[in-house]
C-alpha atoms as a PDB file:
ATOM      1  CA  UNK A   1     147.174 146.562 153.231  1.00  0.00           C
ATOM      2  CA  UNK A   2     147.102 142.919 152.325  1.00  0.00           C
ATOM      3  CA  UNK A   3     145.533 141.650 149.087  1.00  0.00           C
ATOM      4  CA  UNK A   4     142.433 140.220 150.720  1.00  0.00           C
ATOM      5  CA  UNK A   5     141.651 143.188 152.990  1.00  0.00           C
ATOM      6  CA  UNK A   6     139.384 146.062 152.035  1.00  0.00           C
ATOM      7  CA  UNK A   7     139.222 149.457 153.682  1.00  0.00           C
ATOM      8  CA  UNK A   8     135.688 150.189 154.820  1.00  0.00           C
ATOM      9  CA  UNK A   9     134.670 153.523 156.318  1.00  0.00           C
ATOM     10  CA  UNK A  10     131.899 152.923 158.826  1.00  0.00           C
ATOM     11  CA  UNK A  11     132.225 155.394 161.566  1.00  0.00           C
ATOM     12  CA  UNK A  12     133.582 158.876 161.856  1.00  0.00           C
ATOM     13  CA  UNK A  13     136.573 157.360 163.587  1.00  0.00           C
ATOM     14  CA  UNK A  14     138.155 156.294 160.300  1.00  0.00           C
ATOM     15  CA  UNK A  15     138.263 153.342 157.905  1.00  0.00           C
ATOM     16  CA  UNK A  16     138.100 149.841 159.338  1.00  0.00           C
ATOM     17  CA  UNK A  17     139.758 146.967 157.585  1.00  0.00           C
ATOM     18  CA  UNK A  18     137.714 143.812 156.826  1.00  0.00           C
ATOM     19  CA  UNK A  19     138.610 140.688 154.934  1.00  0.00           C
ATOM     20  CA  UNK A  20     136.694 139.682 151.811  1.00  0.00           C
ATOM     21  CA  UNK A  21     135.125 136.744 153.720  1.00  0.00           C
ATOM     22  CA  UNK A  22     133.759 139.066 156.411  1.00  0.00           C
ATOM     23  CA  UNK A  23     132.254 141.395 153.792  1.00  0.00           C
ATOM     24  CA  UNK A  24     130.599 138.487 151.921  1.00  0.00           C
ATOM     25  CA  UNK A  25     129.298 137.007 155.171  1.00  0.00           C
ATOM     26  CA  UNK A  26     128.081 140.174 156.893  1.00  0.00           C
ATOM     27  CA  UNK A  27     127.607 142.495 153.909  1.00  0.00           C
ATOM     28  CA  UNK A  28     128.593 146.146 153.563  1.00  0.00           C
ATOM     29  CA  UNK A  29     127.401 148.090 156.556  1.00  0.00           C
ATOM     30  CA  UNK A  30     126.010 151.483 155.714  1.00  0.00           C
ATOM     31  CA  UNK A  31     125.494 150.732 152.027  1.00  0.00           C
ATOM     32  CA  UNK A  32     121.675 151.111 152.066  1.00  0.00           C
ATOM     33  CA  UNK A  33     121.282 153.370 155.080  1.00  0.00           C
ATOM     34  CA  UNK A  34     123.562 155.308 157.309  1.00  0.00           C
ATOM     35  CA  UNK A  35     121.403 154.679 160.386  1.00  0.00           C
ATOM     36  CA  UNK A  36     122.343 151.051 161.172  1.00  0.00           C
ATOM     37  CA  UNK A  37     120.175 150.890 164.301  1.00  0.00           C
ATOM     38  CA  UNK A  38     116.895 151.734 162.503  1.00  0.00           C
ATOM     39  CA  UNK A  39     114.017 149.202 162.618  1.00  0.00           C
ATOM     40  CA  UNK A  40     112.412 147.896 159.402  1.00  0.00           C
ATOM     41  CA  UNK A  41     108.863 148.818 158.492  1.00  0.00           C
ATOM     42  CA  UNK A  42     106.283 146.017 158.728  1.00  0.00           C
ATOM     43  CA  UNK A  43     103.856 147.502 156.220  1.00  0.00           C
ATOM     44  CA  UNK A  44     104.846 147.359 152.566  1.00  0.00           C
ATOM     45  CA  UNK A  45     103.329 149.506 149.828  1.00  0.00           C
ATOM     46  CA  UNK A  46     101.435 146.452 148.530  1.00  0.00           C
ATOM     47  CA  UNK A  47      99.908 145.723 151.943  1.00  0.00           C
ATOM     48  CA  UNK A  48      99.038 149.357 152.457  1.00  0.00           C
ATOM     49  CA  UNK A  49      97.350 149.686 149.029  1.00  0.00           C
ATOM     50  CA  UNK A  50      95.525 146.336 149.038  1.00  0.00           C
ATOM     51  CA  UNK A  51      94.455 145.825 152.632  1.00  0.00           C
ATOM     52  CA  UNK A  52      91.628 143.296 153.178  1.00  0.00           C
ATOM     53  CA  UNK A  53      88.270 144.814 154.093  1.00  0.00           C
ATOM     54  CA  UNK A  54      87.613 145.090 157.809  1.00  0.00           C
ATOM     55  CA  UNK A  55      84.584 143.457 159.376  1.00  0.00           C
ATOM     56  CA  UNK A  56      82.239 145.933 161.022  1.00  0.00           C
ATOM     57  CA  UNK A  57      82.244 143.947 164.276  1.00  0.00           C
ATOM     58  CA  UNK A  58      78.444 143.634 164.582  1.00  0.00           C
ATOM     59  CA  UNK A  59      76.021 141.048 163.184  1.00  0.00           C
ATOM     60  CA  UNK A  60      74.707 142.115 159.780  1.00  0.00           C
ATOM     61  CA  UNK A  61      72.077 139.349 159.511  1.00  0.00           C
ATOM     62  CA  UNK A  62      69.734 137.856 162.077  1.00  0.00           C
ATOM     63  CA  UNK A  63      70.438 134.454 163.620  1.00  0.00           C
ATOM     64  CA  UNK A  64      67.242 132.870 162.323  1.00  0.00           C
ATOM     65  CA  UNK A  65      67.708 134.016 158.716  1.00  0.00           C
ATOM     66  CA  UNK A  66      71.345 132.872 158.796  1.00  0.00           C
ATOM     67  CA  UNK A  67      70.342 129.378 160.005  1.00  0.00           C
ATOM     68  CA  UNK A  68      67.563 129.218 157.403  1.00  0.00           C
ATOM     69  CA  UNK A  69      69.989 130.179 154.661  1.00  0.00           C
ATOM     70  CA  UNK A  70      72.476 127.521 155.790  1.00  0.00           C
ATOM     71  CA  UNK A  71      69.738 124.861 155.847  1.00  0.00           C
ATOM     72  CA  UNK A  72      68.562 125.711 152.311  1.00  0.00           C
ATOM     73  CA  UNK A  73      72.154 125.607 151.052  1.00  0.00           C
ATOM     74  CA  UNK A  74      72.671 122.211 152.739  1.00  0.00           C
ATOM     75  CA  UNK A  75      69.492 120.784 151.116  1.00  0.00           C
ATOM     76  CA  UNK A  76      70.612 122.038 147.682  1.00  0.00           C
ATOM     77  CA  UNK A  77      74.087 120.545 148.208  1.00  0.00           C
ATOM     78  CA  UNK A  78      72.657 117.152 149.203  1.00  0.00           C
ATOM     79  CA  UNK A  79      70.313 117.135 146.202  1.00  0.00           C
ATOM     80  CA  UNK A  80      73.113 117.937 143.730  1.00  0.00           C
ATOM     81  CA  UNK A  81      75.384 115.350 145.371  1.00  0.00           C
ATOM     82  CA  UNK A  82      72.663 112.681 145.078  1.00  0.00           C
ATOM     83  CA  UNK A  83      72.151 113.507 141.371  1.00  0.00           C
ATOM     84  CA  UNK A  84      75.836 113.421 140.484  1.00  0.00           C
ATOM     85  CA  UNK A  85      76.758 110.413 142.640  1.00  0.00           C
ATOM     86  CA  UNK A  86      73.992 107.807 142.486  1.00  0.00           C
ATOM     87  CA  UNK A  87      74.253 104.976 145.009  1.00  0.00           C
ATOM     88  CA  UNK A  88      76.185 101.923 143.841  1.00  0.00           C
ATOM     89  CA  UNK A  89      74.164  98.794 143.063  1.00  0.00           C
ATOM     90  CA  UNK A  90      74.251  96.057 145.656  1.00  0.00           C
ATOM     91  CA  UNK A  91      77.219  93.816 144.816  1.00  0.00           C
ATOM     92  CA  UNK A  92      76.750  90.054 144.724  1.00  0.00           C
ATOM     93  CA  UNK A  93      79.853  88.513 146.268  1.00  0.00           C
ATOM     94  CA  UNK A  94      78.670  84.913 145.917  1.00  0.00           C
ATOM     95  CA  UNK A  95      81.167  82.629 144.225  1.00  0.00           C
ATOM     96  CA  UNK A  96      80.275  80.194 141.476  1.00  0.00           C
ATOM     97  CA  UNK A  97      80.208  77.388 144.012  1.00  0.00           C
ATOM     98  CA  UNK A  98      77.819  79.252 146.279  1.00  0.00           C
ATOM     99  CA  UNK A  99      75.590  80.282 143.367  1.00  0.00           C
ATOM    100  CA  UNK A 100      75.444  76.952 141.516  1.00  0.00           C
ATOM    101  CA  UNK A 101      76.000  74.205 144.071  1.00  0.00           C
ATOM    102  CA  UNK A 102      74.476  75.483 147.299  1.00  0.00           C
ATOM    103  CA  UNK A 103      70.816  75.210 146.374  1.00  0.00           C
ATOM    104  CA  UNK A 104      68.315  75.260 149.209  1.00  0.00           C
ATOM    105  CA  UNK A 105      66.687  71.898 149.876  1.00  0.00           C
ATOM    106  CA  UNK A 106      69.526  69.876 148.317  1.00  0.00           C
ATOM    107  CA  UNK A 107      70.646  66.928 150.452  1.00  0.00           C
ATOM    108  CA  UNK A 108      73.964  65.401 149.335  1.00  0.00           C
ATOM    109  CA  UNK A 109      74.188  61.623 149.401  1.00  0.00           C
ATOM    110  CA  UNK A 110      77.373  59.608 149.426  1.00  0.00           C
ATOM    111  CA  UNK A 111      77.543  56.350 147.508  1.00  0.00           C
ATOM    112  CA  UNK A 112      78.837  53.172 149.067  1.00  0.00           C
ATOM    113  CA  UNK A 113      82.104  51.783 147.769  1.00  0.00           C
ATOM    114  CA  UNK A 114      81.629  48.418 146.071  1.00  0.00           C
ATOM    115  CA  UNK A 115      85.312  47.555 146.263  1.00  0.00           C
ATOM    116  CA  UNK A 116      88.467  48.985 147.775  1.00  0.00           C
ATOM    117  CA  UNK A 117      90.752  50.884 145.409  1.00  0.00           C
ATOM    118  CA  UNK A 118      94.510  51.181 145.772  1.00  0.00           C
ATOM    119  CA  UNK A 119      95.741  54.501 144.415  1.00  0.00           C
ATOM    120  CA  UNK A 120      99.362  53.310 144.189  1.00  0.00           C
ATOM    121  CA  UNK A 121      98.728  50.481 141.709  1.00  0.00           C
ATOM    122  CA  UNK A 122      95.576  51.474 139.808  1.00  0.00           C
ATOM    123  CA  UNK A 123      95.569  54.033 137.024  1.00  0.00           C
ATOM    124  CA  UNK A 124      93.630  57.222 137.677  1.00  0.00           C
ATOM    125  CA  UNK A 125      90.259  57.569 135.959  1.00  0.00           C
ATOM    126  CA  UNK A 126      89.833  60.668 133.811  1.00  0.00           C
ATOM    127  CA  UNK A 127      87.951  61.735 130.694  1.00  0.00           C
ATOM    128  CA  UNK A 128      90.871  60.700 128.482  1.00  0.00           C
ATOM    129  CA  UNK A 129      91.344  57.306 130.098  1.00  0.00           C
ATOM    130  CA  UNK A 130      87.634  56.552 129.586  1.00  0.00           C
ATOM    131  CA  UNK A 131      87.563  57.783 125.956  1.00  0.00           C
ATOM    132  CA  UNK A 132      90.953  56.649 124.672  1.00  0.00           C
ATOM    133  CA  UNK A 133      89.379  54.966 121.617  1.00  0.00           C
ATOM    134  CA  UNK A 134      88.297  58.373 120.211  1.00  0.00           C
ATOM    135  CA  UNK A 135      91.697  60.081 120.584  1.00  0.00           C
ATOM    136  CA  UNK A 136      93.677  60.456 117.354  1.00  0.00           C
ATOM    137  CA  UNK A 137      97.370  59.610 117.314  1.00  0.00           C
ATOM    138  CA  UNK A 138      97.370  57.356 120.381  1.00  0.00           C
ATOM    139  CA  UNK A 139      99.215  54.044 120.277  1.00  0.00           C
ATOM    140  CA  UNK A 140      97.107  50.909 119.915  1.00  0.00           C
ATOM    141  CA  UNK A 141      95.953  49.645 123.273  1.00  0.00           C
ATOM    142  CA  UNK A 142      97.244  46.219 124.238  1.00  0.00           C
ATOM    143  CA  UNK A 143      96.115  46.286 127.839  1.00  0.00           C
ATOM    144  CA  UNK A 144      92.853  48.114 128.733  1.00  0.00           C
ATOM    145  CA  UNK A 145      94.102  48.933 132.259  1.00  0.00           C
ATOM    146  CA  UNK A 146      96.943  51.114 130.943  1.00  0.00           C
ATOM    147  CA  UNK A 147      95.938  52.690 127.601  1.00  0.00           C
ATOM    148  CA  UNK A 148      98.692  55.333 127.498  1.00  0.00           C
ATOM    149  CA  UNK A 149     101.828  53.202 127.389  1.00  0.00           C
ATOM    150  CA  UNK A 150     104.635  54.083 124.998  1.00  0.00           C
ATOM    151  CA  UNK A 151     104.638  52.358 121.617  1.00  0.00           C
ATOM    152  CA  UNK A 152     106.664  52.991 118.468  1.00  0.00           C
ATOM    153  CA  UNK A 153     104.232  51.305 116.080  1.00  0.00           C
ATOM    154  CA  UNK A 154     102.784  54.595 114.802  1.00  0.00           C
ATOM    155  CA  UNK A 155     106.238  55.845 113.759  1.00  0.00           C
ATOM    156  CA  UNK A 156     107.584  52.635 112.200  1.00  0.00           C
ATOM    157  CA  UNK A 157     108.359  53.251 108.499  1.00  0.00           C
ATOM    158  CA  UNK A 158     106.178  51.533 105.957  1.00  0.00           C
ATOM    159  CA  UNK A 159     108.101  48.908 104.050  1.00  0.00           C
ATOM    160  CA  UNK A 160     106.658  45.738 102.731  1.00  0.00           C
ATOM    161  CA  UNK A 161     102.948  45.800 103.617  1.00  0.00           C
ATOM    162  CA  UNK A 162     102.966  42.003 104.121  1.00  0.00           C
ATOM    163  CA  UNK A 163     105.609  42.276 106.860  1.00  0.00           C
ATOM    164  CA  UNK A 164     103.556  44.878 108.735  1.00  0.00           C
ATOM    165  CA  UNK A 165     100.432  42.723 108.512  1.00  0.00           C
ATOM    166  CA  UNK A 166     102.354  39.680 109.719  1.00  0.00           C
ATOM    167  CA  UNK A 167     103.795  41.608 112.664  1.00  0.00           C
ATOM    168  CA  UNK A 168     100.340  42.749 113.698  1.00  0.00           C
ATOM    169  CA  UNK A 169      98.960  39.201 113.606  1.00  0.00           C
ATOM    170  CA  UNK A 170     101.695  37.807 115.805  1.00  0.00           C
END
């Protein structure tokens, strides 16, 4: 016999040779039972010992009492659900604009333009451009139309105070 063959006795005819692969794939025939054609049982000892109870096959309760019992259970379920899950408050989805600026009875009026403005040449009007005198650390304003021009006067070193006064006068 070759190294990878095993002698297996299956029938009364004599041993049959099988390779190790065939034994691992198909298993040893006749190891558990000699009758290889026998059918397996469908009922295990667990199923036989712990079988579910069988219904008698007839109605044990009247139709009316069953419906009444279901209705009472449904009412109790709804009541408990309403207690545990109260309805959500009505959400207000109005934005700030809708709440503050859309007042009933308000009639918007547009003002007439006194003069034509050119956005390319004029400086934009903002809070800071209107209140530039109150801002700390801003360069002195030479021209009121453009208050935020660059100036190095605030960073010029202090030397002779008379020279600084003379330069401001000129």
